[in-house]
Amino acid sequence: SGEFKRLNPRNNFDRENGTWGAWDFAVRYAHLDLNDGPFTGGDETVLTSALNWSLNPNARLMLEMSNILDTDGSTALRDEAEGLKIFQLRTQYAF
């Protein structure tokens, strides 16, 4: 129906009853090219993986790791970014 709705786990997290909410795993491969004619913005390739844990319909924990696989070396900063690993831990509470 084209509606955006929140994830509603079949069983909410409850350690006493042995239910763990809902888990999902995601992988993304991205390539960004910012070169256009005389403008050299560089390009970059990134591999990202994420693990999300929905404890209940209102609370979620998200862990993400991005690995910069390749840069074009258009600047010294881009040269240093190649091989960089970025870790993010986020929480979300919806009410």
PDB file of N, CA and C in Angstrom:
ATOM      1  N   SER A   1       0.811  -1.197   0.000  1.00  0.00           N
ATOM      2  CA  SER A   1       0.000   0.000   0.000  1.00  0.00           C
ATOM      3  C   SER A   1       0.855   1.261   0.000  1.00  0.00           C
ATOM      4  N   GLY A   2       2.185   1.113   0.031  1.00  0.00           N
ATOM      5  CA  GLY A   2       3.074   2.270  -0.021  1.00  0.00           C
ATOM      6  C   GLY A   2       3.138   3.073   1.255  1.00  0.00           C
ATOM      7  N   GLU A   3       2.859   2.451   2.392  1.00  0.00           N
ATOM      8  CA  GLU A   3       2.891   3.167   3.662  1.00  0.00           C
ATOM      9  C   GLU A   3       4.192   2.896   4.401  1.00  0.00           C
ATOM     10  N   PHE A   4       4.706   3.924   5.084  1.00  0.00           N
ATOM     11  CA  PHE A   4       5.860   3.746   5.956  1.00  0.00           C
ATOM     12  C   PHE A   4       5.343   3.428   7.351  1.00  0.00           C
ATOM     13  N   LYS A   5       5.763   2.282   7.868  1.00  0.00           N
ATOM     14  CA  LYS A   5       5.342   1.885   9.202  1.00  0.00           C
ATOM     15  C   LYS A   5       6.554   1.395   9.979  1.00  0.00           C
ATOM     16  N   ARG A   6       6.455   1.418  11.277  1.00  0.00           N
ATOM     17  CA  ARG A   6       7.542   0.925  12.115  1.00  0.00           C
ATOM     18  C   ARG A   6       7.523  -0.591  12.156  1.00  0.00           C
ATOM     19  N   LEU A   7       8.687  -1.173  12.429  1.00  0.00           N
ATOM     20  CA  LEU A   7       8.806  -2.607  12.574  1.00  0.00           C
ATOM     21  C   LEU A   7       8.125  -3.025  13.874  1.00  0.00           C
ATOM     22  N   ASN A   8       7.313  -4.043  13.805  1.00  0.00           N
ATOM     23  CA  ASN A   8       6.613  -4.535  14.975  1.00  0.00           C
ATOM     24  C   ASN A   8       7.032  -5.993  15.198  1.00  0.00           C
ATOM     25  N   PRO A   9       8.004  -6.247  16.100  1.00  0.00           N
ATOM     26  CA  PRO A   9       8.486  -7.616  16.303  1.00  0.00           C
ATOM     27  C   PRO A   9       7.355  -8.553  16.739  1.00  0.00           C
ATOM     28  N   ARG A  10       7.433  -9.788  16.290  1.00  0.00           N
ATOM     29  CA  ARG A  10       6.442 -10.783  16.683  1.00  0.00           C
ATOM     30  C   ARG A  10       6.433 -10.948  18.205  1.00  0.00           C
ATOM     31  N   ASN A  11       7.629 -10.966  18.813  1.00  0.00           N
ATOM     32  CA  ASN A  11       7.772 -11.070  20.264  1.00  0.00           C
ATOM     33  C   ASN A  11       8.704  -9.967  20.734  1.00  0.00           C
ATOM     34  N   ASN A  12       8.286  -9.160  21.685  1.00  0.00           N
ATOM     35  CA  ASN A  12       9.140  -8.127  22.252  1.00  0.00           C
ATOM     36  C   ASN A  12      10.260  -8.755  23.066  1.00  0.00           C
ATOM     37  N   PHE A  13      11.350  -8.015  23.242  1.00  0.00           N
ATOM     38  CA  PHE A  13      12.445  -8.499  24.069  1.00  0.00           C
ATOM     39  C   PHE A  13      11.969  -8.681  25.507  1.00  0.00           C
ATOM     40  N   ASP A  14      12.181  -9.889  26.028  1.00  0.00           N
ATOM     41  CA  ASP A  14      11.829 -10.206  27.415  1.00  0.00           C
ATOM     42  C   ASP A  14      12.752 -11.336  27.862  1.00  0.00           C
ATOM     43  N   ARG A  15      13.794 -10.979  28.609  1.00  0.00           N
ATOM     44  CA  ARG A  15      14.800 -11.964  29.012  1.00  0.00           C
ATOM     45  C   ARG A  15      14.201 -13.084  29.858  1.00  0.00           C
ATOM     46  N   GLU A  16      13.234 -12.765  30.693  1.00  0.00           N
ATOM     47  CA  GLU A  16      12.622 -13.778  31.551  1.00  0.00           C
ATOM     48  C   GLU A  16      11.889 -14.846  30.750  1.00  0.00           C
ATOM     49  N   ASN A  17      11.239 -14.452  29.659  1.00  0.00           N
ATOM     50  CA  ASN A  17      10.507 -15.408  28.820  1.00  0.00           C
ATOM     51  C   ASN A  17      11.331 -15.939  27.656  1.00  0.00           C
ATOM     52  N   GLY A  18      12.550 -15.443  27.510  1.00  0.00           N
ATOM     53  CA  GLY A  18      13.437 -15.920  26.446  1.00  0.00           C
ATOM     54  C   GLY A  18      13.080 -15.438  25.053  1.00  0.00           C
ATOM     55  N   THR A  19      12.430 -14.296  24.939  1.00  0.00           N
ATOM     56  CA  THR A  19      12.141 -13.738  23.617  1.00  0.00           C
ATOM     57  C   THR A  19      13.088 -12.564  23.361  1.00  0.00           C
ATOM     58  N   TRP A  20      13.522 -12.413  22.130  1.00  0.00           N
ATOM     59  CA  TRP A  20      14.606 -11.476  21.811  1.00  0.00           C
ATOM     60  C   TRP A  20      14.231 -10.375  20.838  1.00  0.00           C
ATOM     61  N   GLY A  21      12.972 -10.126  20.604  1.00  0.00           N
ATOM     62  CA  GLY A  21      12.607  -9.064  19.677  1.00  0.00           C
ATOM     63  C   GLY A  21      12.897  -9.477  18.249  1.00  0.00           C
ATOM     64  N   ALA A  22      13.346  -8.557  17.427  1.00  0.00           N
ATOM     65  CA  ALA A  22      13.643  -8.840  16.020  1.00  0.00           C
ATOM     66  C   ALA A  22      15.053  -8.356  15.675  1.00  0.00           C
ATOM     67  N   TRP A  23      15.748  -9.139  14.856  1.00  0.00           N
ATOM     68  CA  TRP A  23      17.095  -8.809  14.394  1.00  0.00           C
ATOM     69  C   TRP A  23      17.073  -8.690  12.879  1.00  0.00           C
ATOM     70  N   ASP A  24      17.853  -7.777  12.351  1.00  0.00           N
ATOM     71  CA  ASP A  24      18.060  -7.755  10.905  1.00  0.00           C
ATOM     72  C   ASP A  24      19.495  -7.349  10.601  1.00  0.00           C
ATOM     73  N   PHE A  25      19.996  -7.870   9.498  1.00  0.00           N
ATOM     74  CA  PHE A  25      21.360  -7.636   9.041  1.00  0.00           C
ATOM     75  C   PHE A  25      21.286  -7.055   7.641  1.00  0.00           C
ATOM     76  N   ALA A  26      22.080  -6.023   7.388  1.00  0.00           N
ATOM     77  CA  ALA A  26      22.065  -5.370   6.076  1.00  0.00           C
ATOM     78  C   ALA A  26      23.488  -5.150   5.586  1.00  0.00           C
ATOM     79  N   VAL A  27      23.665  -5.210   4.269  1.00  0.00           N
ATOM     80  CA  VAL A  27      24.956  -4.933   3.631  1.00  0.00           C
ATOM     81  C   VAL A  27      24.699  -3.973   2.475  1.00  0.00           C
ATOM     82  N   ARG A  28      25.588  -2.964   2.347  1.00  0.00           N
ATOM     83  CA  ARG A  28      25.458  -1.991   1.265  1.00  0.00           C
ATOM     84  C   ARG A  28      26.819  -1.775   0.621  1.00  0.00           C
ATOM     85  N   TYR A  29      26.856  -1.788  -0.697  1.00  0.00           N
ATOM     86  CA  TYR A  29      28.050  -1.457  -1.469  1.00  0.00           C
ATOM     87  C   TYR A  29      27.730  -0.169  -2.211  1.00  0.00           C
ATOM     88  N   ALA A  30      28.550   0.864  -2.022  1.00  0.00           N
ATOM     89  CA  ALA A  30      28.246   2.166  -2.617  1.00  0.00           C
ATOM     90  C   ALA A  30      29.473   2.729  -3.332  1.00  0.00           C
ATOM     91  N   HIS A  31      29.218   3.384  -4.447  1.00  0.00           N
ATOM     92  CA  HIS A  31      30.269   4.092  -5.185  1.00  0.00           C
ATOM     93  C   HIS A  31      29.766   5.516  -5.430  1.00  0.00           C
ATOM     94  N   LEU A  32      30.584   6.487  -5.066  1.00  0.00           N
ATOM     95  CA  LEU A  32      30.245   7.905  -5.206  1.00  0.00           C
ATOM     96  C   LEU A  32      31.257   8.550  -6.147  1.00  0.00           C
ATOM     97  N   ASP A  33      30.773   9.195  -7.190  1.00  0.00           N
ATOM     98  CA  ASP A  33      31.635   9.880  -8.159  1.00  0.00           C
ATOM     99  C   ASP A  33      31.241  11.350  -8.199  1.00  0.00           C
ATOM    100  N   LEU A  34      32.135  12.218  -7.725  1.00  0.00           N
ATOM    101  CA  LEU A  34      31.869  13.658  -7.689  1.00  0.00           C
ATOM    102  C   LEU A  34      32.649  14.424  -8.753  1.00  0.00           C
ATOM    103  N   ASN A  35      33.149  13.736  -9.765  1.00  0.00           N
ATOM    104  CA  ASN A  35      33.864  14.386 -10.861  1.00  0.00           C
ATOM    105  C   ASN A  35      32.867  14.755 -11.950  1.00  0.00           C
ATOM    106  N   ASP A  36      32.906  16.015 -12.400  1.00  0.00           N
ATOM    107  CA  ASP A  36      31.991  16.479 -13.436  1.00  0.00           C
ATOM    108  C   ASP A  36      32.678  17.576 -14.232  1.00  0.00           C
ATOM    109  N   GLY A  37      33.109  17.242 -15.446  1.00  0.00           N
ATOM    110  CA  GLY A  37      33.781  18.223 -16.294  1.00  0.00           C
ATOM    111  C   GLY A  37      35.035  18.761 -15.623  1.00  0.00           C
ATOM    112  N   PRO A  38      35.149  20.101 -15.493  1.00  0.00           N
ATOM    113  CA  PRO A  38      36.353  20.674 -14.894  1.00  0.00           C
ATOM    114  C   PRO A  38      36.395  20.527 -13.365  1.00  0.00           C
ATOM    115  N   PHE A  39      35.283  20.134 -12.757  1.00  0.00           N
ATOM    116  CA  PHE A  39      35.231  20.002 -11.299  1.00  0.00           C
ATOM    117  C   PHE A  39      35.691  18.610 -10.883  1.00  0.00           C
ATOM    118  N   THR A  40      36.720  18.548 -10.029  1.00  0.00           N
ATOM    119  CA  THR A  40      37.239  17.273  -9.539  1.00  0.00           C
ATOM    120  C   THR A  40      36.902  17.139  -8.065  1.00  0.00           C
ATOM    121  N   GLY A  41      35.834  16.409  -7.794  1.00  0.00           N
ATOM    122  CA  GLY A  41      35.421  16.178  -6.418  1.00  0.00           C
ATOM    123  C   GLY A  41      35.902  14.841  -5.887  1.00  0.00           C
ATOM    124  N   GLY A  42      36.398  13.997  -6.789  1.00  0.00           N
ATOM    125  CA  GLY A  42      36.899  12.691  -6.392  1.00  0.00           C
ATOM    126  C   GLY A  42      35.829  11.618  -6.441  1.00  0.00           C
ATOM    127  N   ASP A  43      36.260  10.388  -6.194  1.00  0.00           N
ATOM    128  CA  ASP A  43      35.296   9.303  -6.086  1.00  0.00           C
ATOM    129  C   ASP A  43      35.744   8.346  -4.983  1.00  0.00           C
ATOM    130  N   GLU A  44      34.787   7.541  -4.531  1.00  0.00           N
ATOM    131  CA  GLU A  44      35.026   6.706  -3.368  1.00  0.00           C
ATOM    132  C   GLU A  44      34.124   5.477  -3.428  1.00  0.00           C
ATOM    133  N   THR A  45      34.635   4.340  -2.946  1.00  0.00           N
ATOM    134  CA  THR A  45      33.871   3.109  -2.861  1.00  0.00           C
ATOM    135  C   THR A  45      33.849   2.654  -1.407  1.00  0.00           C
ATOM    136  N   VAL A  46      32.645   2.340  -0.901  1.00  0.00           N
ATOM    137  CA  VAL A  46      32.471   2.013   0.516  1.00  0.00           C
ATOM    138  C   VAL A  46      31.622   0.752   0.650  1.00  0.00           C
ATOM    139  N   LEU A  47      32.019  -0.133   1.568  1.00  0.00           N
ATOM    140  CA  LEU A  47      31.244  -1.311   1.923  1.00  0.00           C
ATOM    141  C   LEU A  47      30.763  -1.129   3.360  1.00  0.00           C
ATOM    142  N   THR A  48      29.457  -1.230   3.577  1.00  0.00           N
ATOM    143  CA  THR A  48      28.861  -1.014   4.896  1.00  0.00           C
ATOM    144  C   THR A  48      28.057  -2.239   5.298  1.00  0.00           C
ATOM    145  N   SER A  49      28.180  -2.634   6.551  1.00  0.00           N
ATOM    146  CA  SER A  49      27.333  -3.692   7.098  1.00  0.00           C
ATOM    147  C   SER A  49      26.702  -3.175   8.381  1.00  0.00           C
ATOM    148  N   ALA A  50      25.484  -3.649   8.655  1.00  0.00           N
ATOM    149  CA  ALA A  50      24.743  -3.156   9.816  1.00  0.00           C
ATOM    150  C   ALA A  50      23.993  -4.295  10.484  1.00  0.00           C
ATOM    151  N   LEU A  51      23.905  -4.213  11.799  1.00  0.00           N
ATOM    152  CA  LEU A  51      23.121  -5.143  12.596  1.00  0.00           C
ATOM    153  C   LEU A  51      22.158  -4.311  13.433  1.00  0.00           C
ATOM    154  N   ASN A  52      20.861  -4.573  13.281  1.00  0.00           N
ATOM    155  CA  ASN A  52      19.829  -3.821  13.987  1.00  0.00           C
ATOM    156  C   ASN A  52      19.045  -4.756  14.890  1.00  0.00           C
ATOM    157  N   TRP A  53      18.752  -4.306  16.097  1.00  0.00           N
ATOM    158  CA  TRP A  53      17.996  -5.086  17.061  1.00  0.00           C
ATOM    159  C   TRP A  53      16.794  -4.276  17.510  1.00  0.00           C
ATOM    160  N   SER A  54      15.602  -4.724  17.125  1.00  0.00           N
ATOM    161  CA  SER A  54      14.360  -4.070  17.548  1.00  0.00           C
ATOM    162  C   SER A  54      13.872  -4.778  18.799  1.00  0.00           C
ATOM    163  N   LEU A  55      13.966  -4.092  19.938  1.00  0.00           N
ATOM    164  CA  LEU A  55      13.552  -4.694  21.197  1.00  0.00           C
ATOM    165  C   LEU A  55      12.033  -4.770  21.308  1.00  0.00           C
ATOM    166  N   ASN A  56      11.353  -3.773  20.779  1.00  0.00           N
ATOM    167  CA  ASN A  56       9.889  -3.698  20.763  1.00  0.00           C
ATOM    168  C   ASN A  56       9.528  -2.682  19.683  1.00  0.00           C
ATOM    169  N   PRO A  57       8.251  -2.386  19.474  1.00  0.00           N
ATOM    170  CA  PRO A  57       7.910  -1.431  18.405  1.00  0.00           C
ATOM    171  C   PRO A  57       8.465  -0.016  18.617  1.00  0.00           C
ATOM    172  N   ASN A  58       8.922   0.314  19.818  1.00  0.00           N
ATOM    173  CA  ASN A  58       9.364   1.681  20.100  1.00  0.00           C
ATOM    174  C   ASN A  58      10.869   1.847  20.255  1.00  0.00           C
ATOM    175  N   ALA A  59      11.619   0.777  20.508  1.00  0.00           N
ATOM    176  CA  ALA A  59      13.053   0.908  20.798  1.00  0.00           C
ATOM    177  C   ALA A  59      13.879   0.028  19.870  1.00  0.00           C
ATOM    178  N   ARG A  60      14.987   0.604  19.381  1.00  0.00           N
ATOM    179  CA  ARG A  60      15.865  -0.117  18.466  1.00  0.00           C
ATOM    180  C   ARG A  60      17.315   0.284  18.718  1.00  0.00           C
ATOM    181  N   LEU A  61      18.220  -0.686  18.646  1.00  0.00           N
ATOM    182  CA  LEU A  61      19.661  -0.454  18.715  1.00  0.00           C
ATOM    183  C   LEU A  61      20.250  -0.783  17.354  1.00  0.00           C
ATOM    184  N   MET A  62      21.156   0.078  16.873  1.00  0.00           N
ATOM    185  CA  MET A  62      21.727  -0.105  15.546  1.00  0.00           C
ATOM    186  C   MET A  62      23.251  -0.012  15.610  1.00  0.00           C
ATOM    187  N   LEU A  63      23.926  -1.001  15.062  1.00  0.00           N
ATOM    188  CA  LEU A  63      25.386  -1.029  14.985  1.00  0.00           C
ATOM    189  C   LEU A  63      25.760  -1.090  13.509  1.00  0.00           C
ATOM    190  N   GLU A  64      26.670  -0.195  13.098  1.00  0.00           N
ATOM    191  CA  GLU A  64      27.053  -0.122  11.689  1.00  0.00           C
ATOM    192  C   GLU A  64      28.561   0.007  11.564  1.00  0.00           C
ATOM    193  N   MET A  65      29.127  -0.678  10.556  1.00  0.00           N
ATOM    194  CA  MET A  65      30.552  -0.572  10.273  1.00  0.00           C
ATOM    195  C   MET A  65      30.724  -0.306   8.779  1.00  0.00           C
ATOM    196  N   SER A  66      31.423   0.780   8.458  1.00  0.00           N
ATOM    197  CA  SER A  66      31.705   1.125   7.066  1.00  0.00           C
ATOM    198  C   SER A  66      33.205   1.026   6.837  1.00  0.00           C
ATOM    199  N   ASN A  67      33.571   0.470   5.699  1.00  0.00           N
ATOM    200  CA  ASN A  67      34.968   0.309   5.325  1.00  0.00           C
ATOM    201  C   ASN A  67      35.183   1.002   3.982  1.00  0.00           C
ATOM    202  N   ILE A  68      36.027   2.028   3.955  1.00  0.00           N
ATOM    203  CA  ILE A  68      36.317   2.732   2.702  1.00  0.00           C
ATOM    204  C   ILE A  68      37.307   1.878   1.917  1.00  0.00           C
ATOM    205  N   LEU A  69      36.825   1.299   0.821  1.00  0.00           N
ATOM    206  CA  LEU A  69      37.619   0.356   0.049  1.00  0.00           C
ATOM    207  C   LEU A  69      38.590   1.039  -0.901  1.00  0.00           C
ATOM    208  N   ASP A  70      38.129   2.134  -1.518  1.00  0.00           N
ATOM    209  CA  ASP A  70      38.957   2.753  -2.552  1.00  0.00           C
ATOM    210  C   ASP A  70      38.614   4.234  -2.667  1.00  0.00           C
ATOM    211  N   THR A  71      39.635   5.047  -2.855  1.00  0.00           N
ATOM    212  CA  THR A  71      39.445   6.459  -3.169  1.00  0.00           C
ATOM    213  C   THR A  71      40.309   6.774  -4.378  1.00  0.00           C
ATOM    214  N   ASP A  72      39.995   7.859  -5.055  1.00  0.00           N
ATOM    215  CA  ASP A  72      40.746   8.178  -6.270  1.00  0.00           C
ATOM    216  C   ASP A  72      42.027   8.950  -6.005  1.00  0.00           C
ATOM    217  N   GLY A  73      42.244   9.391  -4.783  1.00  0.00           N
ATOM    218  CA  GLY A  73      43.473  10.116  -4.478  1.00  0.00           C
ATOM    219  C   GLY A  73      43.510  11.514  -5.030  1.00  0.00           C
ATOM    220  N   SER A  74      42.349  12.157  -5.237  1.00  0.00           N
ATOM    221  CA  SER A  74      42.333  13.506  -5.799  1.00  0.00           C
ATOM    222  C   SER A  74      42.898  14.537  -4.827  1.00  0.00           C
ATOM    223  N   THR A  75      42.859  14.219  -3.526  1.00  0.00           N
ATOM    224  CA  THR A  75      43.438  15.113  -2.523  1.00  0.00           C
ATOM    225  C   THR A  75      44.194  14.274  -1.494  1.00  0.00           C
ATOM    226  N   ALA A  76      45.027  14.930  -0.701  1.00  0.00           N
ATOM    227  CA  ALA A  76      45.766  14.215   0.346  1.00  0.00           C
ATOM    228  C   ALA A  76      44.817  13.616   1.376  1.00  0.00           C
ATOM    229  N   LEU A  77      43.711  14.296   1.647  1.00  0.00           N
ATOM    230  CA  LEU A  77      42.723  13.789   2.599  1.00  0.00           C
ATOM    231  C   LEU A  77      42.096  12.498   2.089  1.00  0.00           C
ATOM    232  N   ARG A  78      41.779  12.440   0.813  1.00  0.00           N
ATOM    233  CA  ARG A  78      41.223  11.211   0.227  1.00  0.00           C
ATOM    234  C   ARG A  78      42.239  10.070   0.275  1.00  0.00           C
ATOM    235  N   ASP A  79      43.514  10.369   0.065  1.00  0.00           N
ATOM    236  CA  ASP A  79      44.545   9.326   0.159  1.00  0.00           C
ATOM    237  C   ASP A  79      44.552   8.686   1.545  1.00  0.00           C
ATOM    238  N   GLU A  80      44.379   9.494   2.575  1.00  0.00           N
ATOM    239  CA  GLU A  80      44.388   8.991   3.951  1.00  0.00           C
ATOM    240  C   GLU A  80      43.122   8.207   4.289  1.00  0.00           C
ATOM    241  N   ALA A  81      42.020   8.459   3.584  1.00  0.00           N
ATOM    242  CA  ALA A  81      40.746   7.809   3.904  1.00  0.00           C
ATOM    243  C   ALA A  81      40.703   6.352   3.462  1.00  0.00           C
ATOM    244  N   GLU A  82      41.479   5.980   2.466  1.00  0.00           N
ATOM    245  CA  GLU A  82      41.426   4.604   1.968  1.00  0.00           C
ATOM    246  C   GLU A  82      41.800   3.622   3.082  1.00  0.00           C
ATOM    247  N   GLY A  83      40.960   2.604   3.279  1.00  0.00           N
ATOM    248  CA  GLY A  83      41.178   1.618   4.329  1.00  0.00           C
ATOM    249  C   GLY A  83      40.596   2.012   5.678  1.00  0.00           C
ATOM    250  N   LEU A  84      40.040   3.216   5.762  1.00  0.00           N
ATOM    251  CA  LEU A  84      39.463   3.700   7.009  1.00  0.00           C
ATOM    252  C   LEU A  84      38.210   2.894   7.373  1.00  0.00           C
ATOM    253  N   LYS A  85      38.077   2.539   8.634  1.00  0.00           N
ATOM    254  CA  LYS A  85      36.907   1.844   9.135  1.00  0.00           C
ATOM    255  C   LYS A  85      36.152   2.783  10.077  1.00  0.00           C
ATOM    256  N   ILE A  86      34.847   2.885   9.880  1.00  0.00           N
ATOM    257  CA  ILE A  86      34.010   3.783  10.667  1.00  0.00           C
ATOM    258  C   ILE A  86      32.965   2.943  11.390  1.00  0.00           C
ATOM    259  N   PHE A  87      32.902   3.074  12.711  1.00  0.00           N
ATOM    260  CA  PHE A  87      31.932   2.343  13.519  1.00  0.00           C
ATOM    261  C   PHE A  87      30.915   3.328  14.081  1.00  0.00           C
ATOM    262  N   GLN A  88      29.642   2.945  14.042  1.00  0.00           N
ATOM    263  CA  GLN A  88      28.580   3.782  14.589  1.00  0.00           C
ATOM    264  C   GLN A  88      27.661   2.918  15.442  1.00  0.00           C
ATOM    265  N   LEU A  89      27.292   3.415  16.582  1.00  0.00           N
ATOM    266  CA  LEU A  89      26.293   2.775  17.432  1.00  0.00           C
ATOM    267  C   LEU A  89      25.210   3.812  17.690  1.00  0.00           C
ATOM    268  N   ARG A  90      23.973   3.471  17.347  1.00  0.00           N
ATOM    269  CA  ARG A  90      22.880   4.424  17.496  1.00  0.00           C
ATOM    270  C   ARG A  90      21.725   3.753  18.232  1.00  0.00           C
ATOM    271  N   THR A  91      20.944   4.553  18.902  1.00  0.00           N
ATOM    272  CA  THR A  91      19.702   4.080  19.517  1.00  0.00           C
ATOM    273  C   THR A  91      18.562   4.914  18.959  1.00  0.00           C
ATOM    274  N   GLN A  92      17.409   4.290  18.912  1.00  0.00           N
ATOM    275  CA  GLN A  92      16.245   4.996  18.420  1.00  0.00           C
ATOM    276  C   GLN A  92      15.065   4.686  19.328  1.00  0.00           C
ATOM    277  N   TYR A  93      14.379   5.716  19.725  1.00  0.00           N
ATOM    278  CA  TYR A  93      13.155   5.543  20.494  1.00  0.00           C
ATOM    279  C   TYR A  93      12.043   6.330  19.813  1.00  0.00           C
ATOM    280  N   ALA A  94      11.002   5.654  19.418  1.00  0.00           N
ATOM    281  CA  ALA A  94       9.876   6.302  18.742  1.00  0.00           C
ATOM    282  C   ALA A  94       8.680   6.330  19.680  1.00  0.00           C
ATOM    283  N   PHE A  95       8.007   7.447  19.715  1.00  0.00           N
ATOM    284  CA  PHE A  95       6.828   7.548  20.595  1.00  0.00           C
ATOM    285  C   PHE A  95       5.663   8.139  19.835  1.00  0.00           C
TER     286      PHE A  95
END
